[in-house]
Amino acid sequence: MAKIIGLDHVQVAIPVGAEDAAREFYGNVLGMQELQKPANLAVRGGCWFASGNQQIHIGGESNFLPARKAHPALLVDDLAGYLAQLKQHGLDGGFDEPVPGALRATIFDPFGNRIELVQRLAR
């Protein structure tokens, strides 16, 4: 039987025309690599980013409203260290309640979208 084998990407909405701010945040602040969008999709605007095999696709949306609950969760290798790096960019993130086997924190992109940061703990 065919089955789901992984997650290809997560789409995050931004206001139409805000790609430069998205590039600054997702590329320069979070440190993700921008990917070149296929030409047939690039005409729609937006931008794509990757870290390892994981991708976030950023797309402009008219009547944009930030996602305050729904969110991508990004794995980090050192949550406290990563939060300290983000603070150097003026971004304050706060630790959330831990879950079994993981530490968590929440940040918000410049558009108000929630992003969770997760550090898996050794078992």
C-alpha atoms as a PDB file:
ATOM      1  CA  MET A   1       0.000   0.000   0.000  1.00  0.00           C
ATOM      2  CA  ALA A   2       1.284   3.488  -0.850  1.00  0.00           C
ATOM      3  CA  LYS A   3       2.057   5.711   2.136  1.00  0.00           C
ATOM      4  CA  ILE A   4       3.274   9.153   3.103  1.00  0.00           C
ATOM      5  CA  ILE A   5       7.053   9.056   3.476  1.00  0.00           C
ATOM      6  CA  GLY A   6       7.859  12.570   4.662  1.00  0.00           C
ATOM      7  CA  LEU A   7       7.068  16.252   4.550  1.00  0.00           C
ATOM      8  CA  ASP A   8       8.202  18.132   1.448  1.00  0.00           C
ATOM      9  CA  HIS A   9       7.558  21.736   2.485  1.00  0.00           C
ATOM     10  CA  VAL A  10       5.427  24.104   4.536  1.00  0.00           C
ATOM     11  CA  GLN A  11       3.785  27.176   2.999  1.00  0.00           C
ATOM     12  CA  VAL A  12       3.862  30.428   4.986  1.00  0.00           C
ATOM     13  CA  ALA A  13       1.831  33.427   3.837  1.00  0.00           C
ATOM     14  CA  ILE A  14       3.087  37.015   3.793  1.00  0.00           C
ATOM     15  CA  PRO A  15       1.591  40.250   2.483  1.00  0.00           C
ATOM     16  CA  VAL A  16       1.818  40.589  -1.296  1.00  0.00           C
ATOM     17  CA  GLY A  17       5.093  42.251  -2.309  1.00  0.00           C
ATOM     18  CA  ALA A  18       6.905  41.633   1.006  1.00  0.00           C
ATOM     19  CA  GLU A  19       9.501  39.224  -0.403  1.00  0.00           C
ATOM     20  CA  ASP A  20      12.473  41.450   0.505  1.00  0.00           C
ATOM     21  CA  ALA A  21      11.476  41.430   4.175  1.00  0.00           C
ATOM     22  CA  ALA A  22      10.962  37.651   3.958  1.00  0.00           C
ATOM     23  CA  ARG A  23      14.431  37.209   2.444  1.00  0.00           C
ATOM     24  CA  GLU A  24      15.967  39.289   5.232  1.00  0.00           C
ATOM     25  CA  PHE A  25      14.211  37.292   7.940  1.00  0.00           C
ATOM     26  CA  TYR A  26      14.237  33.716   6.633  1.00  0.00           C
ATOM     27  CA  GLY A  27      17.581  34.049   4.853  1.00  0.00           C
ATOM     28  CA  ASN A  28      19.704  36.424   6.927  1.00  0.00           C
ATOM     29  CA  VAL A  29      18.163  36.186  10.404  1.00  0.00           C
ATOM     30  CA  LEU A  30      17.153  32.505  10.508  1.00  0.00           C
ATOM     31  CA  GLY A  31      20.062  31.457   8.274  1.00  0.00           C
ATOM     32  CA  MET A  32      18.071  29.426   5.749  1.00  0.00           C
ATOM     33  CA  GLN A  33      19.282  29.068   2.156  1.00  0.00           C
ATOM     34  CA  GLU A  34      17.117  30.642  -0.534  1.00  0.00           C
ATOM     35  CA  LEU A  35      16.232  28.279  -3.351  1.00  0.00           C
ATOM     36  CA  GLN A  36      15.560  29.333  -6.916  1.00  0.00           C
ATOM     37  CA  LYS A  37      11.889  28.904  -7.727  1.00  0.00           C
ATOM     38  CA  PRO A  38      11.037  27.238 -11.029  1.00  0.00           C
ATOM     39  CA  ALA A  39      10.453  29.900 -13.723  1.00  0.00           C
ATOM     40  CA  ASN A  40       6.793  28.963 -14.174  1.00  0.00           C
ATOM     41  CA  LEU A  41       6.152  29.546 -10.442  1.00  0.00           C
ATOM     42  CA  ALA A  42       8.497  32.524  -9.965  1.00  0.00           C
ATOM     43  CA  VAL A  43       6.072  34.755 -11.904  1.00  0.00           C
ATOM     44  CA  ARG A  44       3.651  34.406  -8.963  1.00  0.00           C
ATOM     45  CA  GLY A  45       6.124  36.033  -6.554  1.00  0.00           C
ATOM     46  CA  GLY A  46       7.145  34.582  -3.232  1.00  0.00           C
ATOM     47  CA  CYS A  47      10.381  32.827  -2.350  1.00  0.00           C
ATOM     48  CA  TRP A  48      11.526  29.420  -1.157  1.00  0.00           C
ATOM     49  CA  PHE A  49      14.001  28.552   1.597  1.00  0.00           C
ATOM     50  CA  ALA A  50      15.650  25.361   2.781  1.00  0.00           C
ATOM     51  CA  SER A  51      17.609  24.035   5.714  1.00  0.00           C
ATOM     52  CA  GLY A  52      18.836  20.528   5.026  1.00  0.00           C
ATOM     53  CA  ASN A  53      16.037  18.658   3.270  1.00  0.00           C
ATOM     54  CA  GLN A  54      13.318  20.802   4.835  1.00  0.00           C
ATOM     55  CA  GLN A  55      11.740  23.655   2.900  1.00  0.00           C
ATOM     56  CA  ILE A  56       9.572  26.656   3.693  1.00  0.00           C
ATOM     57  CA  HIS A  57       7.770  28.261   0.757  1.00  0.00           C
ATOM     58  CA  ILE A  58       6.818  31.898   1.260  1.00  0.00           C
ATOM     59  CA  GLY A  59       3.894  33.220  -0.750  1.00  0.00           C
ATOM     60  CA  GLY A  60       2.143  36.561  -0.963  1.00  0.00           C
ATOM     61  CA  GLU A  61      -1.521  36.540  -0.072  1.00  0.00           C
ATOM     62  CA  SER A  62      -3.998  39.355  -0.633  1.00  0.00           C
ATOM     63  CA  ASN A  63      -6.065  40.028   2.486  1.00  0.00           C
ATOM     64  CA  PHE A  64      -3.141  38.577   4.480  1.00  0.00           C
ATOM     65  CA  LEU A  65      -3.703  37.662   8.125  1.00  0.00           C
ATOM     66  CA  PRO A  66      -0.801  36.251  10.172  1.00  0.00           C
ATOM     67  CA  ALA A  67      -0.963  32.658  11.386  1.00  0.00           C
ATOM     68  CA  ARG A  68      -0.866  33.063  15.164  1.00  0.00           C
ATOM     69  CA  LYS A  69      -1.627  29.419  16.014  1.00  0.00           C
ATOM     70  CA  ALA A  70      -0.768  27.326  12.938  1.00  0.00           C
ATOM     71  CA  HIS A  71       2.996  27.258  12.468  1.00  0.00           C
ATOM     72  CA  PRO A  72       6.067  25.511  11.113  1.00  0.00           C
ATOM     73  CA  ALA A  73       8.282  23.946  13.795  1.00  0.00           C
ATOM     74  CA  LEU A  74      11.981  24.190  12.992  1.00  0.00           C
ATOM     75  CA  LEU A  75      14.511  21.834  14.569  1.00  0.00           C
ATOM     76  CA  VAL A  76      17.607  23.458  16.061  1.00  0.00           C
ATOM     77  CA  ASP A  77      20.656  21.801  17.584  1.00  0.00           C
ATOM     78  CA  ASP A  78      21.074  24.270  20.490  1.00  0.00           C
ATOM     79  CA  LEU A  79      17.916  26.185  21.388  1.00  0.00           C
ATOM     80  CA  ALA A  80      19.497  28.528  23.937  1.00  0.00           C
ATOM     81  CA  GLY A  81      22.370  29.293  21.573  1.00  0.00           C
ATOM     82  CA  TYR A  82      20.027  29.876  18.634  1.00  0.00           C
ATOM     83  CA  LEU A  83      17.833  32.204  20.691  1.00  0.00           C
ATOM     84  CA  ALA A  84      20.974  34.142  21.680  1.00  0.00           C
ATOM     85  CA  GLN A  85      21.889  34.504  17.982  1.00  0.00           C
ATOM     86  CA  LEU A  86      18.387  35.718  17.170  1.00  0.00           C
ATOM     87  CA  LYS A  87      18.596  38.269  19.993  1.00  0.00           C
ATOM     88  CA  GLN A  88      21.617  39.796  18.196  1.00  0.00           C
ATOM     89  CA  HIS A  89      19.181  40.527  15.345  1.00  0.00           C
ATOM     90  CA  GLY A  90      16.730  42.156  17.774  1.00  0.00           C
ATOM     91  CA  LEU A  91      14.416  39.135  17.869  1.00  0.00           C
ATOM     92  CA  ASP A  92      13.260  38.012  21.297  1.00  0.00           C
ATOM     93  CA  GLY A  93      12.003  34.464  21.608  1.00  0.00           C
ATOM     94  CA  GLY A  94      10.669  32.884  24.723  1.00  0.00           C
ATOM     95  CA  PHE A  95      10.839  29.301  25.924  1.00  0.00           C
ATOM     96  CA  ASP A  96       7.528  27.440  25.814  1.00  0.00           C
ATOM     97  CA  GLU A  97       6.459  24.594  28.050  1.00  0.00           C
ATOM     98  CA  PRO A  98       8.716  21.630  27.245  1.00  0.00           C
ATOM     99  CA  VAL A  99       7.218  18.453  25.855  1.00  0.00           C
ATOM    100  CA  PRO A 100       8.647  14.996  26.546  1.00  0.00           C
ATOM    101  CA  GLY A 101      12.004  14.749  24.806  1.00  0.00           C
ATOM    102  CA  ALA A 102      12.157  18.340  23.564  1.00  0.00           C
ATOM    103  CA  LEU A 103      12.686  21.978  24.487  1.00  0.00           C
ATOM    104  CA  ARG A 104      10.575  24.544  22.649  1.00  0.00           C
ATOM    105  CA  ALA A 105      10.460  28.271  21.989  1.00  0.00           C
ATOM    106  CA  THR A 106       8.267  30.575  19.936  1.00  0.00           C
ATOM    107  CA  ILE A 107       9.260  33.466  17.697  1.00  0.00           C
ATOM    108  CA  PHE A 108       7.281  35.503  15.178  1.00  0.00           C
ATOM    109  CA  ASP A 109       8.360  36.504  11.693  1.00  0.00           C
ATOM    110  CA  PRO A 110       8.124  40.196  10.688  1.00  0.00           C
ATOM    111  CA  PHE A 111       4.578  39.576   9.440  1.00  0.00           C
ATOM    112  CA  GLY A 112       3.282  38.129  12.730  1.00  0.00           C
ATOM    113  CA  ASN A 113       3.392  34.442  11.755  1.00  0.00           C
ATOM    114  CA  ARG A 114       4.237  32.080  14.611  1.00  0.00           C
ATOM    115  CA  ILE A 115       7.342  29.894  14.278  1.00  0.00           C
ATOM    116  CA  GLU A 116       8.177  27.223  16.809  1.00  0.00           C
ATOM    117  CA  LEU A 117      11.785  26.244  17.473  1.00  0.00           C
ATOM    118  CA  VAL A 118      12.408  22.731  18.790  1.00  0.00           C
ATOM    119  CA  GLN A 119      15.510  21.092  20.236  1.00  0.00           C
ATOM    120  CA  ARG A 120      15.224  17.313  20.574  1.00  0.00           C
ATOM    121  CA  LEU A 121      16.838  15.977  23.748  1.00  0.00           C
ATOM    122  CA  ALA A 122      18.938  12.831  23.879  1.00  0.00           C
ATOM    123  CA  ARG A 123      17.008   9.865  25.140  1.00  0.00           C
END
